[in-house]
Amino acid sequence: MSKKTPNNQPSKLDQLLAQLRRPGGASLAELMKVTGWQQHSVRGALAGSLKKRGHQISSEVTDGVRRYHVAAQ
């Protein structure tokens, strides 16, 4: 379920999903940069909006940086 904004760009949630589906996942800083959102907004999207869409979000700490991933569907 991909929504497009009026100028035919992917939504910010779609941009988050694209980052989370990369082989190494994405750090909070990377997700903030892509969306332009603050930390609490990105975490809210991970814990709320994306889970409501049916995505399972996981995270792990690698080299002292927490990286988030989405399970393949």
Protein backbone atom coordinates (compact mmCIF):
# COMPACT_ATOMS: atom_id res chain seq x y z
CA MET A 1 0.00 0.00 0.00
CA SER A 2 2.16 2.81 -1.28
CA LYS A 3 0.73 6.30 -1.25
CA LYS A 4 2.03 9.11 -3.41
CA THR A 5 2.02 12.75 -2.43
CA PRO A 6 0.47 15.26 -4.86
CA ASN A 7 3.83 15.82 -6.60
CA ASN A 8 4.11 12.03 -7.16
CA GLN A 9 6.80 11.51 -4.50
CA PRO A 10 6.76 8.52 -2.12
CA SER A 11 5.34 9.28 1.34
CA LYS A 12 7.70 9.66 4.28
CA LEU A 13 6.55 6.28 5.63
CA ASP A 14 7.43 4.73 2.27
CA GLN A 15 10.86 6.39 2.48
CA LEU A 16 11.33 4.92 5.98
CA LEU A 17 10.41 1.45 4.70
CA ALA A 18 12.89 1.74 1.84
CA GLN A 19 15.67 2.53 4.32
CA LEU A 20 14.64 -0.27 6.69
CA ARG A 21 14.64 -2.83 3.87
CA ARG A 22 18.27 -2.16 2.94
CA PRO A 23 20.62 -5.07 3.76
CA GLY A 24 22.15 -3.24 6.74
CA GLY A 25 18.94 -1.58 7.85
CA ALA A 26 19.13 2.03 9.00
CA SER A 27 20.21 3.94 12.07
CA LEU A 28 17.98 6.49 13.77
CA ALA A 29 20.21 9.29 12.43
CA GLU A 30 19.81 8.00 8.85
CA LEU A 31 16.03 7.80 9.23
CA MET A 32 15.95 11.33 10.65
CA LYS A 33 17.97 12.64 7.71
CA VAL A 34 15.72 10.99 5.09
CA THR A 35 12.47 12.25 6.62
CA GLY A 36 13.58 15.51 8.21
CA TRP A 37 11.80 14.36 11.40
CA GLN A 38 13.01 14.52 14.99
CA GLN A 39 13.98 11.38 16.94
CA HIS A 40 10.64 11.03 18.72
CA SER A 41 8.74 11.30 15.42
CA VAL A 42 10.82 8.58 13.76
CA ARG A 43 10.45 6.28 16.77
CA GLY A 44 6.71 6.96 16.80
CA ALA A 45 6.44 6.01 13.14
CA LEU A 46 8.40 2.80 13.76
CA ALA A 47 6.34 1.82 16.81
CA GLY A 48 2.98 3.04 15.54
CA SER A 49 2.31 3.72 11.88
CA LEU A 50 4.53 1.02 10.38
CA LYS A 51 3.34 -1.64 12.83
CA LYS A 52 -0.27 -0.69 12.04
CA ARG A 53 0.55 -1.34 8.39
CA GLY A 54 1.55 -4.86 9.45
CA HIS A 55 5.35 -4.52 9.38
CA GLN A 56 7.54 -6.13 12.03
CA ILE A 57 10.35 -3.81 13.08
CA SER A 58 13.43 -5.19 14.81
CA SER A 59 16.68 -3.62 15.91
CA GLU A 60 20.17 -4.61 16.91
CA VAL A 61 23.25 -2.78 18.13
CA THR A 62 26.22 -3.00 15.77
CA ASP A 63 29.46 -1.19 16.62
CA GLY A 64 27.62 0.85 19.25
CA VAL A 65 24.88 2.02 16.83
CA ARG A 66 21.33 0.72 16.94
CA ARG A 67 20.16 -0.31 13.48
CA TYR A 68 16.52 -0.91 12.62
CA HIS A 69 15.25 -3.49 10.13
CA VAL A 70 11.89 -4.55 8.75
CA ALA A 71 11.07 -8.22 8.25
CA ALA A 72 10.55 -9.25 4.62
CA GLN A 73 6.92 -9.83 3.66
